[in-house]
Amino acid sequence: ALLVLAVLFFLPGLTQVPPLDRDEPRFAQASKQMVETR
């Protein structure tokens, strides 16, 4: 029941909301460069 409840609470907006400045895209960009550069 908690798993279902948590999914309902956390899923909305996951794909709709763009990157939120500034910390989130800093983390994501650094990870992106790890994938690019290996």
Full PDB file with SEQRES, HELIX, SHEET, SSBOND, CRYST1, ORIGX, SCALE, CONECT and MASTER records, all heavy atoms in Angstrom:
SEQRES   1 A   38  ALA LEU LEU VAL LEU ALA VAL LEU PHE PHE LEU PRO GLY          
SEQRES   2 A   38  LEU THR GLN VAL PRO PRO LEU ASP ARG ASP GLU PRO ARG          
SEQRES   3 A   38  PHE ALA GLN ALA SER LYS GLN MET VAL GLU THR ARG              
HELIX    1 AA1 LEU A    2  PHE A   10  1                                   9    
HELIX    2 AA2 ASP A   23  THR A   37  1                                  15    
CRYST1    1.000    1.000    1.000  90.00  90.00  90.00 P 1           1          
ORIGX1      1.000000  0.000000  0.000000        0.00000                         
ORIGX2      0.000000  1.000000  0.000000        0.00000                         
ORIGX3      0.000000  0.000000  1.000000        0.00000                         
SCALE1      1.000000  0.000000  0.000000        0.00000                         
SCALE2      0.000000  1.000000  0.000000        0.00000                         
SCALE3      0.000000  0.000000  1.000000        0.00000                         
ATOM      1  N   ALA A   1       0.831  -1.205   0.000  1.00  0.00           N  
ATOM      2  CA  ALA A   1       0.000   0.000   0.000  1.00  0.00           C  
ATOM      3  C   ALA A   1       0.864   1.253   0.000  1.00  0.00           C  
ATOM      4  O   ALA A   1       0.567   2.237  -0.700  1.00  0.00           O  
ATOM      5  CB  ALA A   1      -0.928  -0.006   1.218  1.00  0.00           C  
ATOM      6  N   LEU A   2       1.955   1.235   0.765  1.00  0.00           N  
ATOM      7  CA  LEU A   2       2.857   2.391   0.799  1.00  0.00           C  
ATOM      8  C   LEU A   2       3.551   2.600  -0.537  1.00  0.00           C  
ATOM      9  O   LEU A   2       3.757   3.747  -0.962  1.00  0.00           O  
ATOM     10  CB  LEU A   2       3.899   2.216   1.906  1.00  0.00           C  
ATOM     11  CG  LEU A   2       3.410   2.444   3.339  1.00  0.00           C  
ATOM     12  CD1 LEU A   2       4.502   2.093   4.335  1.00  0.00           C  
ATOM     13  CD2 LEU A   2       2.969   3.897   3.535  1.00  0.00           C  
ATOM     14  N   LEU A   3       3.920   1.521  -1.200  1.00  0.00           N  
ATOM     15  CA  LEU A   3       4.573   1.635  -2.503  1.00  0.00           C  
ATOM     16  C   LEU A   3       3.642   2.297  -3.515  1.00  0.00           C  
ATOM     17  O   LEU A   3       4.046   3.213  -4.251  1.00  0.00           O  
ATOM     18  CB  LEU A   3       5.013   0.266  -2.999  1.00  0.00           C  
ATOM     19  CG  LEU A   3       5.730   0.232  -4.349  1.00  0.00           C  
ATOM     20  CD1 LEU A   3       7.010   1.058  -4.298  1.00  0.00           C  
ATOM     21  CD2 LEU A   3       6.036  -1.204  -4.755  1.00  0.00           C  
ATOM     22  N   VAL A   4       2.391   1.859  -3.547  1.00  0.00           N  
ATOM     23  CA  VAL A   4       1.412   2.459  -4.457  1.00  0.00           C  
ATOM     24  C   VAL A   4       1.206   3.931  -4.110  1.00  0.00           C  
ATOM     25  O   VAL A   4       1.176   4.800  -4.997  1.00  0.00           O  
ATOM     26  CB  VAL A   4       0.079   1.692  -4.395  1.00  0.00           C  
ATOM     27  CG1 VAL A   4      -1.005   2.431  -5.179  1.00  0.00           C  
ATOM     28  CG2 VAL A   4       0.254   0.276  -4.933  1.00  0.00           C  
ATOM     29  N   LEU A   5       1.066   4.221  -2.819  1.00  0.00           N  
ATOM     30  CA  LEU A   5       0.856   5.605  -2.386  1.00  0.00           C  
ATOM     31  C   LEU A   5       2.035   6.481  -2.787  1.00  0.00           C  
ATOM     32  O   LEU A   5       1.855   7.602  -3.296  1.00  0.00           O  
ATOM     33  CB  LEU A   5       0.667   5.639  -0.870  1.00  0.00           C  
ATOM     34  CG  LEU A   5       0.393   7.014  -0.253  1.00  0.00           C  
ATOM     35  CD1 LEU A   5      -0.964   7.553  -0.697  1.00  0.00           C  
ATOM     36  CD2 LEU A   5       0.448   6.932   1.279  1.00  0.00           C  
ATOM     37  N   ALA A   6       3.261   5.993  -2.583  1.00  0.00           N  
ATOM     38  CA  ALA A   6       4.445   6.777  -2.908  1.00  0.00           C  
ATOM     39  C   ALA A   6       4.533   7.049  -4.408  1.00  0.00           C  
ATOM     40  O   ALA A   6       4.885   8.159  -4.831  1.00  0.00           O  
ATOM     41  CB  ALA A   6       5.700   6.062  -2.413  1.00  0.00           C  
ATOM     42  N   VAL A   7       4.229   6.045  -5.230  1.00  0.00           N  
ATOM     43  CA  VAL A   7       4.251   6.249  -6.680  1.00  0.00           C  
ATOM     44  C   VAL A   7       3.248   7.331  -7.076  1.00  0.00           C  
ATOM     45  O   VAL A   7       3.544   8.214  -7.895  1.00  0.00           O  
ATOM     46  CB  VAL A   7       3.947   4.924  -7.413  1.00  0.00           C  
ATOM     47  CG1 VAL A   7       3.694   5.180  -8.891  1.00  0.00           C  
ATOM     48  CG2 VAL A   7       5.102   3.946  -7.238  1.00  0.00           C  
ATOM     49  N   LEU A   8       2.059   7.291  -6.482  1.00  0.00           N  
ATOM     50  CA  LEU A   8       1.044   8.301  -6.789  1.00  0.00           C  
ATOM     51  C   LEU A   8       1.512   9.699  -6.397  1.00  0.00           C  
ATOM     52  O   LEU A   8       1.231  10.682  -7.100  1.00  0.00           O  
ATOM     53  CB  LEU A   8      -0.261   7.968  -6.063  1.00  0.00           C  
ATOM     54  CG  LEU A   8      -1.009   6.720  -6.555  1.00  0.00           C  
ATOM     55  CD1 LEU A   8      -2.209   6.431  -5.652  1.00  0.00           C  
ATOM     56  CD2 LEU A   8      -1.465   6.897  -7.994  1.00  0.00           C  
ATOM     57  N   PHE A   9       2.232   9.805  -5.299  1.00  0.00           N  
ATOM     58  CA  PHE A   9       2.695  11.119  -4.832  1.00  0.00           C  
ATOM     59  C   PHE A   9       3.906  11.621  -5.616  1.00  0.00           C  
ATOM     60  O   PHE A   9       4.047  12.827  -5.818  1.00  0.00           O  
ATOM     61  CB  PHE A   9       3.042  11.062  -3.341  1.00  0.00           C  
ATOM     62  CG  PHE A   9       1.912  11.479  -2.444  1.00  0.00           C  
ATOM     63  CD1 PHE A   9       1.085  10.541  -1.864  1.00  0.00           C  
ATOM     64  CD2 PHE A   9       1.659  12.820  -2.190  1.00  0.00           C  
ATOM     65  CE1 PHE A   9       0.041  10.911  -1.039  1.00  0.00           C  
ATOM     66  CE2 PHE A   9       0.617  13.214  -1.379  1.00  0.00           C  
ATOM     67  CZ  PHE A   9      -0.201  12.252  -0.799  1.00  0.00           C  
ATOM     68  N   PHE A  10       4.777  10.728  -6.065  1.00  0.00           N  
ATOM     69  CA  PHE A  10       6.046  11.169  -6.642  1.00  0.00           C  
ATOM     70  C   PHE A  10       6.042  11.256  -8.166  1.00  0.00           C  
ATOM     71  O   PHE A  10       6.879  11.953  -8.738  1.00  0.00           O  
ATOM     72  CB  PHE A  10       7.182  10.231  -6.205  1.00  0.00           C  
ATOM     73  CG  PHE A  10       7.377  10.159  -4.718  1.00  0.00           C  
ATOM     74  CD1 PHE A  10       7.831   8.996  -4.113  1.00  0.00           C  
ATOM     75  CD2 PHE A  10       7.088  11.255  -3.918  1.00  0.00           C  
ATOM     76  CE1 PHE A  10       8.010   8.923  -2.741  1.00  0.00           C  
ATOM     77  CE2 PHE A  10       7.254  11.183  -2.535  1.00  0.00           C  
ATOM     78  CZ  PHE A  10       7.717  10.021  -1.952  1.00  0.00           C  
ATOM     79  N   LEU A  11       5.135  10.575  -8.823  1.00  0.00           N  
ATOM     80  CA  LEU A  11       5.190  10.502 -10.278  1.00  0.00           C  
ATOM     81  C   LEU A  11       4.714  11.758 -11.005  1.00  0.00           C  
ATOM     82  O   LEU A  11       5.323  12.149 -12.006  1.00  0.00           O  
ATOM     83  CB  LEU A  11       4.394   9.290 -10.763  1.00  0.00           C  
ATOM     84  CG  LEU A  11       4.734   8.774 -12.163  1.00  0.00           C  
ATOM     85  CD1 LEU A  11       6.219   8.439 -12.274  1.00  0.00           C  
ATOM     86  CD2 LEU A  11       3.874   7.554 -12.502  1.00  0.00           C  
ATOM     87  N   PRO A  12       3.642  12.444 -10.571  1.00  0.00           N  
ATOM     88  CA  PRO A  12       3.165  13.612 -11.328  1.00  0.00           C  
ATOM     89  C   PRO A  12       4.258  14.668 -11.512  1.00  0.00           C  
ATOM     90  O   PRO A  12       4.948  15.041 -10.562  1.00  0.00           O  
ATOM     91  CB  PRO A  12       2.019  14.156 -10.473  1.00  0.00           C  
ATOM     92  CG  PRO A  12       1.511  12.966  -9.725  1.00  0.00           C  
ATOM     93  CD  PRO A  12       2.735  12.149  -9.431  1.00  0.00           C  
ATOM     94  N   GLY A  13       4.407  15.133 -12.742  1.00  0.00           N  
ATOM     95  CA  GLY A  13       5.378  16.178 -13.044  1.00  0.00           C  
ATOM     96  C   GLY A  13       6.763  15.691 -13.372  1.00  0.00           C  
ATOM     97  O   GLY A  13       7.610  16.488 -13.807  1.00  0.00           O  
ATOM     98  N   LEU A  14       7.026  14.401 -13.203  1.00  0.00           N  
ATOM     99  CA  LEU A  14       8.380  13.895 -13.421  1.00  0.00           C  
ATOM    100  C   LEU A  14       8.885  14.216 -14.818  1.00  0.00           C  
ATOM    101  O   LEU A  14      10.027  14.667 -14.993  1.00  0.00           O  
ATOM    102  CB  LEU A  14       8.413  12.381 -13.185  1.00  0.00           C  
ATOM    103  CG  LEU A  14       9.753  11.700 -13.480  1.00  0.00           C  
ATOM    104  CD1 LEU A  14      10.810  12.127 -12.479  1.00  0.00           C  
ATOM    105  CD2 LEU A  14       9.585  10.180 -13.477  1.00  0.00           C  
ATOM    106  N   THR A  15       8.056  13.994 -15.820  1.00  0.00           N  
ATOM    107  CA  THR A  15       8.477  14.214 -17.201  1.00  0.00           C  
ATOM    108  C   THR A  15       8.067  15.576 -17.740  1.00  0.00           C  
ATOM    109  O   THR A  15       8.601  16.015 -18.757  1.00  0.00           O  
ATOM    110  CB  THR A  15       7.890  13.130 -18.110  1.00  0.00           C  
ATOM    111  OG1 THR A  15       6.456  13.183 -18.046  1.00  0.00           O  
ATOM    112  CG2 THR A  15       8.339  11.742 -17.664  1.00  0.00           C  
ATOM    113  N   GLN A  16       7.118  16.258 -17.074  1.00  0.00           N  
ATOM    114  CA  GLN A  16       6.604  17.516 -17.619  1.00  0.00           C  
ATOM    115  C   GLN A  16       7.436  18.738 -17.221  1.00  0.00           C  
ATOM    116  O   GLN A  16       7.519  19.704 -17.982  1.00  0.00           O  
ATOM    117  CB  GLN A  16       5.153  17.756 -17.159  1.00  0.00           C  
ATOM    118  CG  GLN A  16       4.164  16.697 -17.643  1.00  0.00           C  
ATOM    119  CD  GLN A  16       3.861  15.691 -16.545  1.00  0.00           C  
ATOM    120  OE1 GLN A  16       4.769  15.189 -15.902  1.00  0.00           O  
ATOM    121  NE2 GLN A  16       2.588  15.430 -16.335  1.00  0.00           N  
ATOM    122  N   VAL A  17       8.007  18.725 -16.030  1.00  0.00           N  
ATOM    123  CA  VAL A  17       8.693  19.915 -15.510  1.00  0.00           C  
ATOM    124  C   VAL A  17      10.126  19.956 -16.044  1.00  0.00           C  
ATOM    125  O   VAL A  17      10.887  18.989 -15.880  1.00  0.00           O  
ATOM    126  CB  VAL A  17       8.692  19.925 -13.977  1.00  0.00           C  
ATOM    127  CG1 VAL A  17       9.486  21.115 -13.440  1.00  0.00           C  
ATOM    128  CG2 VAL A  17       7.253  19.980 -13.449  1.00  0.00           C  
ATOM    129  N   PRO A  18      10.546  21.061 -16.688  1.00  0.00           N  
ATOM    130  CA  PRO A  18      11.926  21.176 -17.202  1.00  0.00           C  
ATOM    131  C   PRO A  18      12.948  21.211 -16.071  1.00  0.00           C  
ATOM    132  O   PRO A  18      12.585  21.278 -14.887  1.00  0.00           O  
ATOM    133  CB  PRO A  18      11.891  22.516 -17.966  1.00  0.00           C  
ATOM    134  CG  PRO A  18      10.446  22.807 -18.206  1.00  0.00           C  
ATOM    135  CD  PRO A  18       9.711  22.220 -17.050  1.00  0.00           C  
ATOM    136  N   PRO A  19      14.237  21.178 -16.413  1.00  0.00           N  
ATOM    137  CA  PRO A  19      15.275  21.256 -15.377  1.00  0.00           C  
ATOM    138  C   PRO A  19      15.122  22.509 -14.527  1.00  0.00           C  
ATOM    139  O   PRO A  19      14.914  23.609 -15.038  1.00  0.00           O  
ATOM    140  CB  PRO A  19      16.581  21.304 -16.189  1.00  0.00           C  
ATOM    141  CG  PRO A  19      16.236  20.701 -17.501  1.00  0.00           C  
ATOM    142  CD  PRO A  19      14.808  21.048 -17.764  1.00  0.00           C  
ATOM    143  N   LEU A  20      15.237  22.324 -13.229  1.00  0.00           N  
ATOM    144  CA  LEU A  20      15.056  23.426 -12.277  1.00  0.00           C  
ATOM    145  C   LEU A  20      16.415  23.946 -11.828  1.00  0.00           C  
ATOM    146  O   LEU A  20      17.180  23.234 -11.174  1.00  0.00           O  
ATOM    147  CB  LEU A  20      14.251  22.951 -11.063  1.00  0.00           C  
ATOM    148  CG  LEU A  20      12.735  22.900 -11.255  1.00  0.00           C  
ATOM    149  CD1 LEU A  20      12.089  22.025 -10.189  1.00  0.00           C  
ATOM    150  CD2 LEU A  20      12.143  24.299 -11.194  1.00  0.00           C  
ATOM    151  N   ASP A  21      16.712  25.186 -12.194  1.00  0.00           N  
ATOM    152  CA  ASP A  21      17.990  25.774 -11.808  1.00  0.00           C  
ATOM    153  C   ASP A  21      18.056  26.016 -10.299  1.00  0.00           C  
ATOM    154  O   ASP A  21      17.060  26.308  -9.670  1.00  0.00           O  
ATOM    155  CB  ASP A  21      18.170  27.111 -12.538  1.00  0.00           C  
ATOM    156  CG  ASP A  21      18.607  26.928 -13.988  1.00  0.00           C  
ATOM    157  OD1 ASP A  21      19.562  26.178 -14.215  1.00  0.00           O  
ATOM    158  OD2 ASP A  21      17.969  27.517 -14.872  1.00  0.00           O  
ATOM    159  N   ARG A  22      19.290  25.957  -9.731  1.00  0.00           N  
ATOM    160  CA  ARG A  22      20.495  25.703 -10.496  1.00  0.00           C  
ATOM    161  C   ARG A  22      21.120  24.337 -10.171  1.00  0.00           C  
ATOM    162  O   ARG A  22      21.847  23.780 -10.971  1.00  0.00           O  
ATOM    163  CB  ARG A  22      21.553  26.798 -10.187  1.00  0.00           C  
ATOM    164  CG  ARG A  22      21.209  28.150 -10.781  1.00  0.00           C  
ATOM    165  CD  ARG A  22      22.326  29.166 -10.524  1.00  0.00           C  
ATOM    166  NE  ARG A  22      22.125  30.407 -11.237  1.00  0.00           N  
ATOM    167  CZ  ARG A  22      22.032  31.584 -10.621  1.00  0.00           C  
ATOM    168  NH1 ARG A  22      22.131  31.647  -9.294  1.00  0.00           N  
ATOM    169  NH2 ARG A  22      21.844  32.677 -11.326  1.00  0.00           N  
ATOM    170  N   ASP A  23      20.857  23.809  -9.002  1.00  0.00           N  
ATOM    171  CA  ASP A  23      21.563  22.595  -8.586  1.00  0.00           C  
ATOM    172  C   ASP A  23      21.233  21.392  -9.466  1.00  0.00           C  
ATOM    173  O   ASP A  23      22.133  20.635  -9.845  1.00  0.00           O  
ATOM    174  CB  ASP A  23      21.249  22.279  -7.124  1.00  0.00           C  
ATOM    175  CG  ASP A  23      22.172  23.004  -6.167  1.00  0.00           C  
ATOM    176  OD1 ASP A  23      23.102  23.664  -6.652  1.00  0.00           O  
ATOM    177  OD2 ASP A  23      21.962  22.916  -4.951  1.00  0.00           O  
ATOM    178  N   GLU A  24      19.956  21.193  -9.774  1.00  0.00           N  
ATOM    179  CA  GLU A  24      19.590  19.993 -10.528  1.00  0.00           C  
ATOM    180  C   GLU A  24      20.341  19.879 -11.854  1.00  0.00           C  
ATOM    181  O   GLU A  24      20.965  18.838 -12.124  1.00  0.00           O  
ATOM    182  CB  GLU A  24      18.084  19.937 -10.769  1.00  0.00           C  
ATOM    183  CG  GLU A  24      17.713  18.682 -11.557  1.00  0.00           C  
ATOM    184  CD  GLU A  24      16.256  18.617 -11.945  1.00  0.00           C  
ATOM    185  OE1 GLU A  24      15.678  19.665 -12.299  1.00  0.00           O  
ATOM    186  OE2 GLU A  24      15.696  17.504 -11.899  1.00  0.00           O  
ATOM    187  N   PRO A  25      20.320  20.897 -12.721  1.00  0.00           N  
ATOM    188  CA  PRO A  25      21.043  20.734 -13.983  1.00  0.00           C  
ATOM    189  C   PRO A  25      22.556  20.652 -13.812  1.00  0.00           C  
ATOM    190  O   PRO A  25      23.245  20.093 -14.687  1.00  0.00           O  
ATOM    191  CB  PRO A  25      20.631  21.966 -14.795  1.00  0.00           C  
ATOM    192  CG  PRO A  25      20.126  22.948 -13.806  1.00  0.00           C  
ATOM    193  CD  PRO A  25      19.544  22.148 -12.688  1.00  0.00           C  
ATOM    194  N   ARG A  26      23.088  21.185 -12.736  1.00  0.00           N  
ATOM    195  CA  ARG A  26      24.530  21.004 -12.492  1.00  0.00           C  
ATOM    196  C   ARG A  26      24.848  19.531 -12.269  1.00  0.00           C  
ATOM    197  O   ARG A  26      25.814  18.993 -12.826  1.00  0.00           O  
ATOM    198  CB  ARG A  26      24.969  21.832 -11.284  1.00  0.00           C  
ATOM    199  CG  ARG A  26      25.065  23.329 -11.549  1.00  0.00           C  
ATOM    200  CD  ARG A  26      25.277  24.084 -10.260  1.00  0.00           C  
ATOM    201  NE  ARG A  26      25.465  25.512 -10.481  1.00  0.00           N  
ATOM    202  CZ  ARG A  26      25.330  26.436  -9.528  1.00  0.00           C  
ATOM    203  NH1 ARG A  26      25.016  26.076  -8.290  1.00  0.00           N  
ATOM    204  NH2 ARG A  26      25.519  27.709  -9.794  1.00  0.00           N  
ATOM    205  N   PHE A  27      24.041  18.869 -11.428  1.00  0.00           N  
ATOM    206  CA  PHE A  27      24.238  17.432 -11.213  1.00  0.00           C  
ATOM    207  C   PHE A  27      24.031  16.666 -12.520  1.00  0.00           C  
ATOM    208  O   PHE A  27      24.835  15.806 -12.887  1.00  0.00           O  
ATOM    209  CB  PHE A  27      23.262  16.922 -10.151  1.00  0.00           C  
ATOM    210  CG  PHE A  27      23.693  17.176  -8.743  1.00  0.00           C  
ATOM    211  CD1 PHE A  27      23.169  18.227  -8.010  1.00  0.00           C  
ATOM    212  CD2 PHE A  27      24.627  16.363  -8.131  1.00  0.00           C  
ATOM    213  CE1 PHE A  27      23.551  18.467  -6.704  1.00  0.00           C  
ATOM    214  CE2 PHE A  27      25.034  16.586  -6.820  1.00  0.00           C  
ATOM    215  CZ  PHE A  27      24.495  17.648  -6.106  1.00  0.00           C  
ATOM    216  N   ALA A  28      22.930  16.961 -13.218  1.00  0.00           N  
ATOM    217  CA  ALA A  28      22.606  16.220 -14.437  1.00  0.00           C  
ATOM    218  C   ALA A  28      23.656  16.436 -15.518  1.00  0.00           C  
ATOM    219  O   ALA A  28      24.037  15.491 -16.230  1.00  0.00           O  
ATOM    220  CB  ALA A  28      21.226  16.639 -14.939  1.00  0.00           C  
ATOM    221  N   GLN A  29      24.138  17.660 -15.668  1.00  0.00           N  
ATOM    222  CA  GLN A  29      25.144  17.944 -16.688  1.00  0.00           C  
ATOM    223  C   GLN A  29      26.452  17.221 -16.390  1.00  0.00           C  
ATOM    224  O   GLN A  29      27.100  16.683 -17.305  1.00  0.00           O  
ATOM    225  CB  GLN A  29      25.393  19.447 -16.789  1.00  0.00           C  
ATOM    226  CG  GLN A  29      26.482  19.864 -17.761  1.00  0.00           C  
ATOM    227  CD  GLN A  29      26.184  19.454 -19.198  1.00  0.00           C  
ATOM    228  OE1 GLN A  29      25.027  19.370 -19.591  1.00  0.00           O  
ATOM    229  NE2 GLN A  29      27.221  19.193 -19.975  1.00  0.00           N  
ATOM    230  N   ALA A  30      26.848  17.190 -15.119  1.00  0.00           N  
ATOM    231  CA  ALA A  30      28.076  16.471 -14.762  1.00  0.00           C  
ATOM    232  C   ALA A  30      27.931  14.977 -15.053  1.00  0.00           C  
ATOM    233  O   ALA A  30      28.865  14.334 -15.547  1.00  0.00           O  
ATOM    234  CB  ALA A  30      28.410  16.700 -13.297  1.00  0.00           C  
ATOM    235  N   SER A  31      26.762  14.415 -14.766  1.00  0.00           N  
ATOM    236  CA  SER A  31      26.524  13.005 -15.086  1.00  0.00           C  
ATOM    237  C   SER A  31      26.511  12.794 -16.597  1.00  0.00           C  
ATOM    238  O   SER A  31      27.022  11.782 -17.100  1.00  0.00           O  
ATOM    239  CB  SER A  31      25.191  12.549 -14.478  1.00  0.00           C  
ATOM    240  OG  SER A  31      25.195  12.686 -13.073  1.00  0.00           O  
ATOM    241  N   LYS A  32      25.912  13.728 -17.301  1.00  0.00           N  
ATOM    242  CA  LYS A  32      25.875  13.660 -18.765  1.00  0.00           C  
ATOM    243  C   LYS A  32      27.294  13.612 -19.338  1.00  0.00           C  
ATOM    244  O   LYS A  32      27.587  12.833 -20.261  1.00  0.00           O  
ATOM    245  CB  LYS A  32      25.119  14.878 -19.299  1.00  0.00           C  
ATOM    246  CG  LYS A  32      25.001  14.981 -20.794  1.00  0.00           C  
ATOM    247  CD  LYS A  32      24.216  16.241 -21.160  1.00  0.00           C  
ATOM    248  CE  LYS A  32      23.995  16.386 -22.634  1.00  0.00           C  
ATOM    249  NZ  LYS A  32      23.187  17.594 -22.958  1.00  0.00           N  
ATOM    250  N   GLN A  33      28.190  14.424 -18.778  1.00  0.00           N  
ATOM    251  CA  GLN A  33      29.569  14.443 -19.277  1.00  0.00           C  
ATOM    252  C   GLN A  33      30.314  13.158 -18.922  1.00  0.00           C  
ATOM    253  O   GLN A  33      31.213  12.746 -19.656  1.00  0.00           O  
ATOM    254  CB  GLN A  33      30.307  15.671 -18.732  1.00  0.00           C  
ATOM    255  CG  GLN A  33      29.795  16.960 -19.347  1.00  0.00           C  
ATOM    256  CD  GLN A  33      30.495  18.205 -18.845  1.00  0.00           C  
ATOM    257  OE1 GLN A  33      29.862  19.235 -18.653  1.00  0.00           O  
ATOM    258  NE2 GLN A  33      31.796  18.145 -18.645  1.00  0.00           N  
ATOM    259  N   MET A  34      29.943  12.523 -17.807  1.00  0.00           N  
ATOM    260  CA  MET A  34      30.533  11.217 -17.501  1.00  0.00           C  
ATOM    261  C   MET A  34      30.187  10.217 -18.602  1.00  0.00           C  
ATOM    262  O   MET A  34      31.030   9.442 -19.052  1.00  0.00           O  
ATOM    263  CB  MET A  34      30.029  10.703 -16.150  1.00  0.00           C  
ATOM    264  CG  MET A  34      30.711  11.298 -14.952  1.00  0.00           C  
ATOM    265  SD  MET A  34      30.253  10.428 -13.439  1.00  0.00           S  
ATOM    266  CE  MET A  34      31.416  11.178 -12.290  1.00  0.00           C  
ATOM    267  N   VAL A  35      28.919  10.235 -19.017  1.00  0.00           N  
ATOM    268  CA  VAL A  35      28.486   9.312 -20.066  1.00  0.00           C  
ATOM    269  C   VAL A  35      29.182   9.647 -21.385  1.00  0.00           C  
ATOM    270  O   VAL A  35      29.588   8.753 -22.135  1.00  0.00           O  
ATOM    271  CB  VAL A  35      26.952   9.367 -20.224  1.00  0.00           C  
ATOM    272  CG1 VAL A  35      26.489   8.498 -21.387  1.00  0.00           C  
ATOM    273  CG2 VAL A  35      26.266   8.924 -18.927  1.00  0.00           C  
ATOM    274  N   GLU A  36      29.327  10.935 -21.670  1.00  0.00           N  
ATOM    275  CA  GLU A  36      29.955  11.356 -22.931  1.00  0.00           C  
ATOM    276  C   GLU A  36      31.433  11.012 -22.973  1.00  0.00           C  
ATOM    277  O   GLU A  36      31.947  10.540 -23.987  1.00  0.00           O  
ATOM    278  CB  GLU A  36      29.772  12.866 -23.122  1.00  0.00           C  
ATOM    279  CG  GLU A  36      28.342  13.294 -23.407  1.00  0.00           C  
ATOM    280  CD  GLU A  36      28.180  14.795 -23.419  1.00  0.00           C  
ATOM    281  OE1 GLU A  36      29.015  15.502 -22.797  1.00  0.00           O  
ATOM    282  OE2 GLU A  36      27.207  15.282 -24.030  1.00  0.00           O  
ATOM    283  N   THR A  37      32.137  11.259 -21.873  1.00  0.00           N  
ATOM    284  CA  THR A  37      33.594  11.088 -21.864  1.00  0.00           C  
ATOM    285  C   THR A  37      34.037   9.715 -21.393  1.00  0.00           C  
ATOM    286  O   THR A  37      35.207   9.364 -21.559  1.00  0.00           O  
ATOM    287  CB  THR A  37      34.240  12.147 -20.943  1.00  0.00           C  
ATOM    288  OG1 THR A  37      33.800  11.919 -19.589  1.00  0.00           O  
ATOM    289  CG2 THR A  37      33.852  13.554 -21.377  1.00  0.00           C  
ATOM    290  N   ARG A  38      33.124   8.967 -20.735  1.00  0.00           N  
ATOM    291  CA  ARG A  38      33.435   7.677 -20.117  1.00  0.00           C  
ATOM    292  C   ARG A  38      34.445   7.815 -18.993  1.00  0.00           C  
ATOM    293  O   ARG A  38      35.086   6.833 -18.591  1.00  0.00           O  
ATOM    294  CB  ARG A  38      33.947   6.650 -21.150  1.00  0.00           C  
ATOM    295  CG  ARG A  38      33.198   6.606 -22.478  1.00  0.00           C  
ATOM    296  CD  ARG A  38      31.710   6.464 -22.317  1.00  0.00           C  
ATOM    297  NE  ARG A  38      31.328   5.150 -21.813  1.00  0.00           N  
ATOM    298  CZ  ARG A  38      30.069   4.795 -21.533  1.00  0.00           C  
ATOM    299  NH1 ARG A  38      29.092   5.684 -21.691  1.00  0.00           N  
ATOM    300  NH2 ARG A  38      29.782   3.604 -21.069  1.00  0.00           N  
TER     301      ARG A  38                                                      
MASTER        0    0    0    2    0    0    0    6  300    1    0    3          
END                                                                             
